[in-house]
Amino acid sequence: MSEPASISASIASRYATAVFDLARDGGSLAALEADVAALEETLKDSAEFRDLISSPVYGRDEQGRAIAAIAGRMGLSQILANTLALMAGKRRLFVLPQLLSALQDRIAAEKGEATAEVRSAVALTEAQSGRLAEALSKTAGKTVKLNTTVDESLIGGLVVKLGSKMIDTSVASKLASLQNAMKEVG
């Protein structure tokens, strides 16, 4: 991890710990979870929002007013709205994606859940996703949610990452393994 990335992760972690603890102590984890999901969706869908949090062109006051308006319009909880306002005032909105990720991890851990990153050559059907999540849940001893993406370069099969474990059953990796074995032979 590069130094700027580790600094961003460190900043986000501190904010995430504070927000999570306040929400848990206040009994509003469900509201926090909904807020995090809504902000994730907004970040994904809005280039203007991504520009607002990352561009140095916007000053503290502009970011603060914009964040207050966005939080009000989205109906964010007071805890998260205040945190975003504080981050805007300290020019820390650039860590919002890392903050949301850290909050998702803490909420999932609190609920006894884990998230598996799944790449497949073709989109998984609902039945396939269900069976995979069930099998991973048995292995992990937790409820497992799947974050699936399609990667046609795999040719076939799956690459599953759950925590620190990675399972690669893709045709591309089998072909690469075969190619390496062939190089050793001659």
N, C-alpha and C. Protein backbone atom coordinates (compact mmCIF):
# COMPACT_ATOMS: atom_id res chain seq x y z
N MET A 1 0.86 -1.17 0.00
CA MET A 1 0.00 0.00 0.00
C MET A 1 0.90 1.23 0.00
N SER A 2 0.61 2.18 -0.87
CA SER A 2 1.43 3.38 -0.93
C SER A 2 1.18 4.26 0.28
N GLU A 3 2.09 5.17 0.51
CA GLU A 3 1.98 6.03 1.70
C GLU A 3 0.69 6.86 1.69
N PRO A 4 0.33 7.55 0.57
CA PRO A 4 -0.92 8.30 0.59
C PRO A 4 -2.14 7.41 0.82
N ALA A 5 -2.13 6.20 0.26
CA ALA A 5 -3.25 5.29 0.45
C ALA A 5 -3.35 4.84 1.90
N SER A 6 -2.20 4.59 2.54
CA SER A 6 -2.24 4.16 3.93
C SER A 6 -2.66 5.31 4.84
N ILE A 7 -2.29 6.53 4.49
CA ILE A 7 -2.73 7.69 5.27
C ILE A 7 -4.24 7.85 5.14
N SER A 8 -4.75 7.71 3.92
CA SER A 8 -6.20 7.81 3.71
C SER A 8 -6.94 6.73 4.49
N ALA A 9 -6.41 5.51 4.46
CA ALA A 9 -7.05 4.41 5.18
C ALA A 9 -7.03 4.67 6.68
N SER A 10 -5.94 5.24 7.17
CA SER A 10 -5.82 5.55 8.59
C SER A 10 -6.83 6.63 9.01
N ILE A 11 -6.95 7.67 8.20
CA ILE A 11 -7.91 8.73 8.48
C ILE A 11 -9.33 8.16 8.47
N ALA A 12 -9.64 7.39 7.43
CA ALA A 12 -10.98 6.81 7.30
C ALA A 12 -11.29 5.88 8.46
N SER A 13 -10.30 5.12 8.89
CA SER A 13 -10.51 4.18 9.99
C SER A 13 -10.87 4.89 11.29
N ARG A 14 -10.21 6.00 11.54
CA ARG A 14 -10.52 6.76 12.77
C ARG A 14 -11.95 7.30 12.74
N TYR A 15 -12.34 7.88 11.61
CA TYR A 15 -13.71 8.38 11.48
C TYR A 15 -14.71 7.23 11.57
N ALA A 16 -14.41 6.11 10.91
CA ALA A 16 -15.32 4.96 10.91
C ALA A 16 -15.51 4.42 12.32
N THR A 17 -14.45 4.33 13.08
CA THR A 17 -14.54 3.84 14.45
C THR A 17 -15.45 4.74 15.28
N ALA A 18 -15.26 6.04 15.15
CA ALA A 18 -16.07 6.99 15.92
C ALA A 18 -17.55 6.91 15.51
N VAL A 19 -17.81 6.93 14.22
CA VAL A 19 -19.20 6.89 13.73
C VAL A 19 -19.87 5.58 14.13
N PHE A 20 -19.16 4.48 13.95
CA PHE A 20 -19.72 3.17 14.28
C PHE A 20 -20.03 3.07 15.77
N ASP A 21 -19.10 3.49 16.61
CA ASP A 21 -19.33 3.42 18.05
C ASP A 21 -20.51 4.28 18.47
N LEU A 22 -20.63 5.48 17.93
CA LEU A 22 -21.76 6.36 18.25
C LEU A 22 -23.08 5.73 17.80
N ALA A 23 -23.10 5.16 16.60
CA ALA A 23 -24.33 4.55 16.09
C ALA A 23 -24.70 3.31 16.90
N ARG A 24 -23.71 2.49 17.24
CA ARG A 24 -23.98 1.28 18.02
C ARG A 24 -24.48 1.65 19.41
N ASP A 25 -23.83 2.60 20.05
CA ASP A 25 -24.24 3.01 21.39
C ASP A 25 -25.61 3.67 21.38
N GLY A 26 -25.95 4.33 20.28
CA GLY A 26 -27.26 4.98 20.15
C GLY A 26 -28.33 4.06 19.61
N GLY A 27 -27.97 2.82 19.32
CA GLY A 27 -28.94 1.86 18.79
C GLY A 27 -29.42 2.18 17.38
N SER A 28 -28.57 2.83 16.59
CA SER A 28 -28.99 3.21 15.24
C SER A 28 -28.10 2.60 14.16
N LEU A 29 -27.68 1.36 14.37
CA LEU A 29 -26.85 0.70 13.35
C LEU A 29 -27.61 0.46 12.05
N ALA A 30 -28.91 0.17 12.16
CA ALA A 30 -29.71 -0.07 10.96
C ALA A 30 -29.77 1.20 10.11
N ALA A 31 -29.94 2.35 10.77
CA ALA A 31 -29.97 3.62 10.04
C ALA A 31 -28.61 3.90 9.41
N LEU A 32 -27.54 3.61 10.15
CA LEU A 32 -26.20 3.81 9.62
C LEU A 32 -25.97 2.93 8.40
N GLU A 33 -26.41 1.69 8.48
CA GLU A 33 -26.26 0.77 7.35
C GLU A 33 -26.99 1.29 6.11
N ALA A 34 -28.19 1.82 6.31
CA ALA A 34 -28.96 2.38 5.18
C ALA A 34 -28.26 3.62 4.62
N ASP A 35 -27.72 4.46 5.51
CA ASP A 35 -27.00 5.66 5.06
C ASP A 35 -25.76 5.30 4.24
N VAL A 36 -25.02 4.30 4.72
CA VAL A 36 -23.81 3.87 4.01
C VAL A 36 -24.17 3.35 2.62
N ALA A 37 -25.22 2.55 2.54
CA ALA A 37 -25.66 2.02 1.23
C ALA A 37 -26.08 3.15 0.30
N ALA A 38 -26.80 4.13 0.83
CA ALA A 38 -27.26 5.25 0.00
C ALA A 38 -26.07 6.08 -0.49
N LEU A 39 -25.10 6.33 0.38
CA LEU A 39 -23.93 7.09 -0.03
C LEU A 39 -23.08 6.32 -1.05
N GLU A 40 -22.96 5.01 -0.86
CA GLU A 40 -22.23 4.18 -1.84
C GLU A 40 -22.87 4.30 -3.21
N GLU A 41 -24.19 4.21 -3.25
CA GLU A 41 -24.93 4.29 -4.52
C GLU A 41 -24.73 5.68 -5.15
N THR A 42 -24.77 6.72 -4.33
CA THR A 42 -24.58 8.08 -4.84
C THR A 42 -23.17 8.27 -5.39
N LEU A 43 -22.18 7.74 -4.68
CA LEU A 43 -20.80 7.82 -5.17
C LEU A 43 -20.65 7.11 -6.51
N LYS A 44 -21.30 5.96 -6.61
CA LYS A 44 -21.19 5.17 -7.84
C LYS A 44 -21.87 5.88 -9.01
N ASP A 45 -23.02 6.51 -8.75
CA ASP A 45 -23.83 7.07 -9.82
C ASP A 45 -23.52 8.52 -10.19
N SER A 46 -22.91 9.28 -9.30
CA SER A 46 -22.77 10.72 -9.53
C SER A 46 -21.31 11.15 -9.67
N ALA A 47 -20.94 11.52 -10.87
CA ALA A 47 -19.59 12.04 -11.12
C ALA A 47 -19.41 13.39 -10.41
N GLU A 48 -20.48 14.17 -10.32
CA GLU A 48 -20.40 15.47 -9.64
C GLU A 48 -20.07 15.28 -8.15
N PHE A 49 -20.69 14.27 -7.53
CA PHE A 49 -20.43 14.01 -6.11
C PHE A 49 -18.98 13.55 -5.92
N ARG A 50 -18.51 12.67 -6.79
CA ARG A 50 -17.11 12.22 -6.71
C ARG A 50 -16.17 13.40 -6.88
N ASP A 51 -16.52 14.32 -7.80
CA ASP A 51 -15.70 15.50 -8.02
C ASP A 51 -15.72 16.41 -6.79
N LEU A 52 -16.88 16.57 -6.16
CA LEU A 52 -17.00 17.42 -4.97
C LEU A 52 -16.09 16.95 -3.85
N ILE A 53 -16.03 15.64 -3.63
CA ILE A 53 -15.25 15.14 -2.48
C ILE A 53 -13.76 15.07 -2.77
N SER A 54 -13.37 15.06 -4.05
CA SER A 54 -11.95 14.88 -4.35
C SER A 54 -11.26 16.08 -4.96
N SER A 55 -12.00 17.01 -5.50
CA SER A 55 -11.38 18.13 -6.20
C SER A 55 -10.92 19.22 -5.23
N PRO A 56 -9.68 19.69 -5.37
CA PRO A 56 -9.20 20.78 -4.52
C PRO A 56 -9.78 22.14 -4.93
N VAL A 57 -10.52 22.17 -6.03
CA VAL A 57 -11.10 23.41 -6.51
C VAL A 57 -12.16 23.93 -5.54
N TYR A 58 -12.87 23.01 -4.88
CA TYR A 58 -13.91 23.41 -3.93
C TYR A 58 -13.30 23.71 -2.57
N GLY A 59 -13.66 24.85 -2.01
CA GLY A 59 -13.16 25.25 -0.70
C GLY A 59 -13.94 24.57 0.42
N ARG A 60 -13.48 24.78 1.65
CA ARG A 60 -14.14 24.18 2.82
C ARG A 60 -15.61 24.58 2.90
N ASP A 61 -15.85 25.88 2.71
CA ASP A 61 -17.23 26.37 2.84
C ASP A 61 -18.13 25.79 1.76
N GLU A 62 -17.62 25.74 0.52
CA GLU A 62 -18.42 25.17 -0.57
C GLU A 62 -18.72 23.69 -0.31
N GLN A 63 -17.69 22.94 0.10
CA GLN A 63 -17.90 21.53 0.39
C GLN A 63 -18.87 21.36 1.56
N GLY A 64 -18.72 22.18 2.58
CA GLY A 64 -19.59 22.09 3.75
C GLY A 64 -21.05 22.35 3.39
N ARG A 65 -21.29 23.41 2.60
CA ARG A 65 -22.68 23.71 2.19
C ARG A 65 -23.25 22.59 1.31
N ALA A 66 -22.43 22.11 0.38
CA ALA A 66 -22.89 21.06 -0.52
C ALA A 66 -23.19 19.77 0.24
N ILE A 67 -22.31 19.39 1.16
CA ILE A 67 -22.51 18.17 1.94
C ILE A 67 -23.75 18.30 2.82
N ALA A 68 -23.95 19.47 3.42
CA ALA A 68 -25.14 19.68 4.25
C ALA A 68 -26.41 19.53 3.42
N ALA A 69 -26.40 20.10 2.21
CA ALA A 69 -27.56 19.99 1.32
C ALA A 69 -27.79 18.53 0.90
N ILE A 70 -26.71 17.84 0.57
CA ILE A 70 -26.82 16.44 0.14
C ILE A 70 -27.33 15.57 1.29
N ALA A 71 -26.77 15.77 2.49
CA ALA A 71 -27.19 14.99 3.66
C ALA A 71 -28.67 15.24 3.97
N GLY A 72 -29.09 16.48 3.87
CA GLY A 72 -30.49 16.80 4.10
C GLY A 72 -31.41 16.18 3.07
N ARG A 73 -31.02 16.28 1.81
CA ARG A 73 -31.84 15.74 0.73
C ARG A 73 -31.91 14.21 0.81
N MET A 74 -30.81 13.57 1.21
CA MET A 74 -30.79 12.11 1.30
C MET A 74 -31.42 11.61 2.59
N GLY A 75 -31.63 12.51 3.55
CA GLY A 75 -32.20 12.11 4.83
C GLY A 75 -31.22 11.29 5.68
N LEU A 76 -29.94 11.65 5.62
CA LEU A 76 -28.94 10.91 6.38
C LEU A 76 -29.13 11.14 7.88
N SER A 77 -28.71 10.16 8.66
CA SER A 77 -28.80 10.28 10.12
C SER A 77 -27.93 11.45 10.58
N GLN A 78 -28.28 11.98 11.73
CA GLN A 78 -27.56 13.13 12.28
C GLN A 78 -26.08 12.81 12.52
N ILE A 79 -25.81 11.59 12.98
CA ILE A 79 -24.42 11.20 13.25
C ILE A 79 -23.57 11.29 11.99
N LEU A 80 -24.07 10.70 10.90
CA LEU A 80 -23.30 10.70 9.66
C LEU A 80 -23.28 12.09 9.02
N ALA A 81 -24.38 12.81 9.08
CA ALA A 81 -24.41 14.17 8.52
C ALA A 81 -23.40 15.05 9.24
N ASN A 82 -23.35 14.97 10.57
CA ASN A 82 -22.38 15.77 11.34
C ASN A 82 -20.94 15.36 11.02
N THR A 83 -20.73 14.06 10.84
CA THR A 83 -19.38 13.58 10.52
C THR A 83 -18.95 14.10 9.15
N LEU A 84 -19.84 14.06 8.18
CA LEU A 84 -19.51 14.56 6.85
C LEU A 84 -19.22 16.07 6.89
N ALA A 85 -19.99 16.80 7.70
CA ALA A 85 -19.75 18.25 7.84
C ALA A 85 -18.38 18.49 8.47
N LEU A 86 -18.04 17.70 9.47
CA LEU A 86 -16.72 17.82 10.11
C LEU A 86 -15.61 17.50 9.11
N MET A 87 -15.81 16.44 8.33
CA MET A 87 -14.82 16.07 7.33
C MET A 87 -14.65 17.17 6.29
N ALA A 88 -15.75 17.80 5.89
CA ALA A 88 -15.67 18.90 4.92
C ALA A 88 -14.89 20.07 5.52
N GLY A 89 -15.15 20.37 6.79
CA GLY A 89 -14.45 21.47 7.45
C GLY A 89 -12.96 21.22 7.60
N LYS A 90 -12.57 19.96 7.68
CA LYS A 90 -11.16 19.61 7.83
C LYS A 90 -10.51 19.17 6.51
N ARG A 91 -11.26 19.33 5.40
CA ARG A 91 -10.77 18.95 4.06
C ARG A 91 -10.41 17.47 4.00
N ARG A 92 -11.29 16.63 4.56
CA ARG A 92 -11.04 15.19 4.59
C ARG A 92 -12.08 14.39 3.80
N LEU A 93 -12.93 15.06 3.02
CA LEU A 93 -13.96 14.33 2.28
C LEU A 93 -13.38 13.35 1.26
N PHE A 94 -12.13 13.54 0.88
CA PHE A 94 -11.51 12.64 -0.10
C PHE A 94 -11.43 11.20 0.40
N VAL A 95 -11.54 10.97 1.71
CA VAL A 95 -11.49 9.61 2.25
C VAL A 95 -12.88 8.98 2.38
N LEU A 96 -13.91 9.63 1.85
CA LEU A 96 -15.27 9.09 1.97
C LEU A 96 -15.40 7.66 1.44
N PRO A 97 -14.85 7.30 0.29
CA PRO A 97 -14.97 5.90 -0.15
C PRO A 97 -14.36 4.91 0.85
N GLN A 98 -13.20 5.24 1.40
CA GLN A 98 -12.57 4.36 2.39
C GLN A 98 -13.39 4.33 3.68
N LEU A 99 -13.98 5.47 4.06
CA LEU A 99 -14.83 5.52 5.25
C LEU A 99 -16.03 4.59 5.09
N LEU A 100 -16.69 4.66 3.93
CA LEU A 100 -17.86 3.81 3.70
C LEU A 100 -17.49 2.33 3.71
N SER A 101 -16.35 2.01 3.13
CA SER A 101 -15.88 0.63 3.13
C SER A 101 -15.60 0.15 4.55
N ALA A 102 -14.93 0.99 5.34
CA ALA A 102 -14.62 0.62 6.73
C ALA A 102 -15.90 0.46 7.56
N LEU A 103 -16.87 1.33 7.32
CA LEU A 103 -18.15 1.21 8.03
C LEU A 103 -18.88 -0.07 7.63
N GLN A 104 -18.87 -0.39 6.35
CA GLN A 104 -19.50 -1.65 5.90
C GLN A 104 -18.86 -2.84 6.59
N ASP A 105 -17.53 -2.84 6.68
CA ASP A 105 -16.83 -3.94 7.33
C ASP A 105 -17.21 -4.06 8.81
N ARG A 106 -17.28 -2.94 9.50
CA ARG A 106 -17.63 -2.96 10.92
C ARG A 106 -19.07 -3.42 11.14
N ILE A 107 -19.97 -2.93 10.30
CA ILE A 107 -21.38 -3.34 10.42
C ILE A 107 -21.53 -4.83 10.15
N ALA A 108 -20.86 -5.33 9.11
CA ALA A 108 -20.92 -6.75 8.79
C ALA A 108 -20.36 -7.60 9.92
N ALA A 109 -19.25 -7.17 10.50
CA ALA A 109 -18.65 -7.91 11.62
C ALA A 109 -19.60 -7.93 12.81
N GLU A 110 -20.25 -6.82 13.07
CA GLU A 110 -21.21 -6.74 14.18
C GLU A 110 -22.39 -7.69 13.96
N LYS A 111 -22.80 -7.84 12.70
CA LYS A 111 -23.92 -8.71 12.37
C LYS A 111 -23.49 -10.16 12.13
N GLY A 112 -22.19 -10.45 12.22
CA GLY A 112 -21.70 -11.80 11.98
C GLY A 112 -21.73 -12.17 10.51
N GLU A 113 -21.49 -11.20 9.66
CA GLU A 113 -21.50 -11.42 8.22
C GLU A 113 -20.11 -11.23 7.63
N ALA A 114 -19.93 -11.80 6.47
CA ALA A 114 -18.69 -11.60 5.72
C ALA A 114 -19.08 -11.36 4.26
N THR A 115 -18.22 -10.69 3.53
CA THR A 115 -18.47 -10.44 2.11
C THR A 115 -17.42 -11.15 1.29
N ALA A 116 -17.87 -11.89 0.31
CA ALA A 116 -16.96 -12.58 -0.61
C ALA A 116 -16.95 -11.83 -1.94
N GLU A 117 -15.77 -11.56 -2.44
CA GLU A 117 -15.60 -10.95 -3.76
C GLU A 117 -15.54 -12.10 -4.77
N VAL A 118 -16.50 -12.12 -5.69
CA VAL A 118 -16.58 -13.22 -6.65
C VAL A 118 -16.48 -12.66 -8.06
N ARG A 119 -15.50 -13.16 -8.82
CA ARG A 119 -15.39 -12.83 -10.25
C ARG A 119 -15.72 -14.09 -11.01
N SER A 120 -16.58 -13.96 -12.00
CA SER A 120 -16.95 -15.12 -12.81
C SER A 120 -16.86 -14.75 -14.29
N ALA A 121 -16.70 -15.76 -15.12
CA ALA A 121 -16.59 -15.53 -16.55
C ALA A 121 -17.92 -15.10 -17.14
N VAL A 122 -19.02 -15.60 -16.59
CA VAL A 122 -20.37 -15.20 -17.00
C VAL A 122 -21.15 -14.87 -15.74
N ALA A 123 -22.22 -14.11 -15.90
CA ALA A 123 -23.03 -13.72 -14.74
C ALA A 123 -23.63 -14.97 -14.09
N LEU A 124 -23.58 -15.00 -12.76
CA LEU A 124 -24.14 -16.12 -12.02
C LEU A 124 -25.65 -15.98 -11.94
N THR A 125 -26.34 -17.12 -12.04
CA THR A 125 -27.79 -17.10 -11.85
C THR A 125 -28.07 -16.94 -10.36
N GLU A 126 -29.31 -16.63 -10.05
CA GLU A 126 -29.68 -16.48 -8.64
C GLU A 126 -29.48 -17.80 -7.89
N ALA A 127 -29.80 -18.92 -8.53
CA ALA A 127 -29.61 -20.22 -7.89
C ALA A 127 -28.13 -20.51 -7.64
N GLN A 128 -27.28 -20.21 -8.62
CA GLN A 128 -25.84 -20.42 -8.45
C GLN A 128 -25.29 -19.53 -7.33
N SER A 129 -25.72 -18.28 -7.30
CA SER A 129 -25.28 -17.36 -6.25
C SER A 129 -25.71 -17.87 -4.88
N GLY A 130 -26.93 -18.37 -4.79
CA GLY A 130 -27.44 -18.90 -3.53
C GLY A 130 -26.64 -20.09 -3.04
N ARG A 131 -26.35 -21.03 -3.96
CA ARG A 131 -25.58 -22.22 -3.58
C ARG A 131 -24.16 -21.84 -3.18
N LEU A 132 -23.56 -20.91 -3.90
CA LEU A 132 -22.20 -20.47 -3.58
C LEU A 132 -22.17 -19.78 -2.21
N ALA A 133 -23.13 -18.90 -1.96
CA ALA A 133 -23.19 -18.21 -0.67
C ALA A 133 -23.40 -19.20 0.47
N GLU A 134 -24.22 -20.20 0.24
CA GLU A 134 -24.48 -21.22 1.26
C GLU A 134 -23.22 -22.03 1.56
N ALA A 135 -22.51 -22.43 0.50
CA ALA A 135 -21.28 -23.21 0.68
C ALA A 135 -20.22 -22.38 1.41
N LEU A 136 -20.09 -21.12 1.03
CA LEU A 136 -19.11 -20.25 1.69
C LEU A 136 -19.50 -19.98 3.14
N SER A 137 -20.80 -19.87 3.41
CA SER A 137 -21.26 -19.66 4.78
C SER A 137 -20.88 -20.83 5.67
N LYS A 138 -21.01 -22.04 5.15
CA LYS A 138 -20.63 -23.22 5.92
C LYS A 138 -19.13 -23.20 6.22
N THR A 139 -18.35 -22.82 5.25
CA THR A 139 -16.90 -22.77 5.41
C THR A 139 -16.48 -21.68 6.40
N ALA A 140 -17.08 -20.50 6.26
CA ALA A 140 -16.67 -19.35 7.07
C ALA A 140 -17.31 -19.34 8.45
N GLY A 141 -18.43 -20.04 8.60
CA GLY A 141 -19.14 -20.01 9.88
C GLY A 141 -19.87 -18.70 10.11
N LYS A 142 -20.08 -17.94 9.04
CA LYS A 142 -20.79 -16.66 9.09
C LYS A 142 -21.73 -16.59 7.90
N THR A 143 -22.67 -15.67 7.96
CA THR A 143 -23.49 -15.39 6.80
C THR A 143 -22.61 -14.68 5.78
N VAL A 144 -22.62 -15.17 4.55
CA VAL A 144 -21.76 -14.60 3.52
C VAL A 144 -22.62 -13.92 2.45
N LYS A 145 -22.28 -12.66 2.20
CA LYS A 145 -22.89 -11.92 1.09
C LYS A 145 -21.90 -11.95 -0.06
N LEU A 146 -22.43 -12.00 -1.27
CA LEU A 146 -21.57 -12.05 -2.46
C LEU A 146 -21.54 -10.69 -3.14
N ASN A 147 -20.35 -10.27 -3.52
CA ASN A 147 -20.16 -9.09 -4.35
C ASN A 147 -19.62 -9.62 -5.66
N THR A 148 -20.50 -9.79 -6.64
CA THR A 148 -20.11 -10.47 -7.88
C THR A 148 -19.82 -9.48 -9.00
N THR A 149 -18.83 -9.85 -9.80
CA THR A 149 -18.50 -9.10 -11.01
C THR A 149 -18.22 -10.11 -12.12
N VAL A 150 -18.42 -9.68 -13.35
CA VAL A 150 -18.16 -10.54 -14.50
C VAL A 150 -16.81 -10.14 -15.10
N ASP A 151 -15.95 -11.13 -15.31
CA ASP A 151 -14.63 -10.91 -15.90
C ASP A 151 -14.44 -11.96 -16.99
N GLU A 152 -14.72 -11.56 -18.22
CA GLU A 152 -14.68 -12.51 -19.34
C GLU A 152 -13.29 -13.07 -19.60
N SER A 153 -12.25 -12.40 -19.11
CA SER A 153 -10.89 -12.90 -19.33
C SER A 153 -10.63 -14.20 -18.57
N LEU A 154 -11.52 -14.57 -17.65
CA LEU A 154 -11.36 -15.83 -16.92
C LEU A 154 -11.68 -17.04 -17.80
N ILE A 155 -12.34 -16.81 -18.90
CA ILE A 155 -12.76 -17.81 -19.88
C ILE A 155 -13.87 -18.70 -19.31
N GLY A 156 -13.70 -19.20 -18.14
CA GLY A 156 -14.70 -20.03 -17.45
C GLY A 156 -14.30 -20.15 -15.99
N GLY A 157 -15.23 -20.52 -15.14
CA GLY A 157 -14.93 -20.73 -13.73
C GLY A 157 -15.10 -19.47 -12.90
N LEU A 158 -14.53 -19.51 -11.68
CA LEU A 158 -14.69 -18.44 -10.70
C LEU A 158 -13.36 -18.12 -10.01
N VAL A 159 -13.30 -16.91 -9.49
CA VAL A 159 -12.26 -16.53 -8.55
C VAL A 159 -13.01 -15.96 -7.35
N VAL A 160 -12.85 -16.60 -6.19
CA VAL A 160 -13.56 -16.20 -4.98
C VAL A 160 -12.55 -15.75 -3.94
N LYS A 161 -12.76 -14.57 -3.37
CA LYS A 161 -11.91 -14.07 -2.30
C LYS A 161 -12.80 -13.81 -1.10
N LEU A 162 -12.52 -14.55 -0.03
CA LEU A 162 -13.26 -14.41 1.23
C LEU A 162 -12.24 -14.19 2.33
N GLY A 163 -12.18 -12.95 2.80
CA GLY A 163 -11.16 -12.62 3.80
C GLY A 163 -9.79 -12.75 3.18
N SER A 164 -8.92 -13.53 3.82
CA SER A 164 -7.57 -13.71 3.30
C SER A 164 -7.45 -14.94 2.40
N LYS A 165 -8.56 -15.67 2.23
CA LYS A 165 -8.53 -16.88 1.40
C LYS A 165 -8.98 -16.55 -0.02
N MET A 166 -8.30 -17.19 -0.99
CA MET A 166 -8.66 -17.01 -2.39
C MET A 166 -8.74 -18.37 -3.06
N ILE A 167 -9.83 -18.58 -3.77
CA ILE A 167 -10.04 -19.83 -4.50
C ILE A 167 -10.16 -19.46 -5.97
N ASP A 168 -9.26 -20.02 -6.79
CA ASP A 168 -9.24 -19.70 -8.21
C ASP A 168 -9.50 -20.98 -9.00
N THR A 169 -10.71 -21.09 -9.55
CA THR A 169 -11.05 -22.25 -10.38
C THR A 169 -11.24 -21.84 -11.84
N SER A 170 -10.66 -20.71 -12.21
CA SER A 170 -10.86 -20.20 -13.56
C SER A 170 -10.06 -21.00 -14.58
N VAL A 171 -10.57 -21.05 -15.79
CA VAL A 171 -9.89 -21.72 -16.89
C VAL A 171 -8.59 -20.97 -17.21
N ALA A 172 -8.62 -19.66 -17.11
CA ALA A 172 -7.42 -18.86 -17.40
C ALA A 172 -6.26 -19.25 -16.48
N SER A 173 -6.52 -19.46 -15.21
CA SER A 173 -5.43 -19.84 -14.29
C SER A 173 -4.97 -21.26 -14.56
N LYS A 174 -5.89 -22.14 -14.94
CA LYS A 174 -5.49 -23.51 -15.27
C LYS A 174 -4.62 -23.53 -16.53
N LEU A 175 -4.97 -22.69 -17.51
CA LEU A 175 -4.16 -22.59 -18.72
C LEU A 175 -2.77 -22.01 -18.40
N ALA A 176 -2.73 -21.01 -17.53
CA ALA A 176 -1.44 -20.43 -17.14
C ALA A 176 -0.59 -21.46 -16.42
N SER A 177 -1.20 -22.27 -15.58
CA SER A 177 -0.49 -23.32 -14.86
C SER A 177 0.04 -24.37 -15.84
N LEU A 178 -0.77 -24.73 -16.81
CA LEU A 178 -0.36 -25.69 -17.83
C LEU A 178 0.79 -25.12 -18.66
N GLN A 179 0.71 -23.85 -18.99
CA GLN A 179 1.76 -23.20 -19.76
C GLN A 179 3.09 -23.23 -18.98
N ASN A 180 3.02 -22.94 -17.69
CA ASN A 180 4.24 -22.99 -16.86
C ASN A 180 4.80 -24.40 -16.80
N ALA A 181 3.93 -25.40 -16.70
CA ALA A 181 4.39 -26.79 -16.64
C ALA A 181 5.06 -27.17 -17.97
N MET A 182 4.51 -26.69 -19.07
CA MET A 182 5.08 -26.98 -20.39
C MET A 182 6.47 -26.34 -20.55
N LYS A 183 6.65 -25.14 -19.98
CA LYS A 183 7.94 -24.48 -20.06
C LYS A 183 9.02 -25.26 -19.31
N GLU A 184 8.62 -25.90 -18.20
CA GLU A 184 9.57 -26.67 -17.41
C GLU A 184 10.00 -27.92 -18.14
N VAL A 185 9.11 -28.51 -18.94
CA VAL A 185 9.40 -29.75 -19.65
C VAL A 185 10.40 -29.50 -20.78
N GLY A 186 10.21 -28.45 -21.49
CA GLY A 186 11.14 -28.30 -22.58
C GLY A 186 11.01 -27.04 -23.25
